[in-house]
Amino acid sequence: MAHLAGLARHHDWSAEAHRDPVGWALAVLDLHRSGERPGRRAIQRRFRDLVREAHPDHGGDRDEAAGRLAELSEARRILLAG
């Protein structure tokens, strides 16, 4: 509802995602520290942990949850596609 009313926080990550999608996705999932690209299992595990943190049922901010979950899903999609 907040999104439809224009009150939801807008995630403007598309420019950086287009410039360096893998780097952006690694940063979103906080997997960029090792210098090596993580495997499928590490990506999935980190995605699940961050989704749990962002979900309102587990203490995440209700107003920002949808945007954060979309951001995390896009980051996972990018990393698992390549």
Protein backbone atom coordinates (compact mmCIF):
# COMPACT_ATOMS: atom_id res chain seq x y z
CA MET A 1 0.00 0.00 0.00
CA ALA A 2 2.82 2.41 0.85
CA HIS A 3 4.35 1.76 -2.57
CA LEU A 4 1.11 2.68 -4.33
CA ALA A 5 0.81 5.85 -2.27
CA GLY A 6 4.38 6.82 -3.12
CA LEU A 7 5.47 6.59 0.49
CA ALA A 8 7.70 3.53 0.20
CA ARG A 9 11.44 3.98 0.13
CA HIS A 10 12.61 3.77 -3.48
CA HIS A 11 15.73 1.72 -4.13
CA ASP A 12 17.62 3.39 -6.94
CA TRP A 13 20.22 0.73 -7.54
CA SER A 14 19.66 0.24 -11.25
CA ALA A 15 22.51 2.51 -12.45
CA GLU A 16 25.17 0.71 -10.43
CA ALA A 17 23.62 -2.66 -11.20
CA HIS A 18 23.93 -1.92 -14.93
CA ARG A 19 27.49 -0.62 -14.65
CA ASP A 20 28.85 -3.62 -12.71
CA PRO A 21 26.04 -6.07 -11.96
CA VAL A 22 28.22 -8.75 -10.39
CA GLY A 23 30.05 -6.26 -8.18
CA TRP A 24 26.75 -4.71 -7.15
CA ALA A 25 25.24 -8.11 -6.35
CA LEU A 26 28.28 -9.17 -4.33
CA ALA A 27 28.07 -5.93 -2.34
CA VAL A 28 24.31 -6.30 -1.72
CA LEU A 29 24.81 -9.81 -0.37
CA ASP A 30 28.01 -8.69 1.41
CA LEU A 31 30.05 -11.36 -0.34
CA HIS A 32 32.64 -9.05 -1.94
CA ARG A 33 35.29 -9.31 0.79
CA SER A 34 37.01 -12.56 -0.18
CA GLY A 35 38.11 -11.45 -3.65
CA GLU A 36 36.86 -14.73 -5.13
CA ARG A 37 33.41 -15.27 -6.53
CA PRO A 38 31.40 -17.38 -4.07
CA GLY A 39 29.82 -20.67 -5.00
CA ARG A 40 26.12 -21.38 -5.39
CA ARG A 41 25.78 -22.74 -1.87
CA ALA A 42 27.39 -19.63 -0.28
CA ILE A 43 25.18 -17.33 -2.34
CA GLN A 44 22.01 -19.19 -1.34
CA ARG A 45 23.02 -19.34 2.33
CA ARG A 46 23.79 -15.60 2.50
CA PHE A 47 20.58 -14.76 0.61
CA ARG A 48 18.47 -16.76 3.08
CA ASP A 49 20.19 -15.14 6.08
CA LEU A 50 19.64 -11.62 4.75
CA VAL A 51 16.03 -12.33 3.74
CA ARG A 52 15.35 -13.56 7.26
CA GLU A 53 16.85 -10.36 8.73
CA ALA A 54 14.85 -8.14 6.36
CA HIS A 55 11.52 -9.91 6.84
CA PRO A 56 9.10 -8.09 9.15
CA ASP A 57 8.25 -11.32 10.97
CA HIS A 58 11.88 -11.49 12.08
CA GLY A 59 12.36 -7.86 13.09
CA GLY A 60 12.85 -6.20 9.70
CA ASP A 61 11.35 -2.79 8.98
CA ARG A 62 7.86 -3.26 7.52
CA ASP A 63 8.12 -0.14 5.37
CA GLU A 64 11.40 -1.19 3.75
CA ALA A 65 10.93 -4.96 3.59
CA ALA A 66 9.51 -5.22 0.06
CA GLY A 67 12.26 -3.10 -1.47
CA ARG A 68 15.00 -4.90 0.43
CA LEU A 69 13.64 -8.32 -0.50
CA ALA A 70 13.47 -7.28 -4.17
CA GLU A 71 17.05 -6.02 -3.99
CA LEU A 72 18.28 -9.26 -2.42
CA SER A 73 16.38 -11.37 -4.96
CA GLU A 74 17.88 -9.44 -7.87
CA ALA A 75 21.38 -9.79 -6.44
CA ARG A 76 20.91 -13.55 -6.06
CA ARG A 77 19.54 -13.83 -9.60
CA ILE A 78 22.55 -12.01 -11.03
CA LEU A 79 25.08 -14.16 -9.18
CA LEU A 80 23.38 -17.46 -9.93
CA ALA A 81 22.93 -16.63 -13.62
CA GLY A 82 26.64 -16.19 -14.29
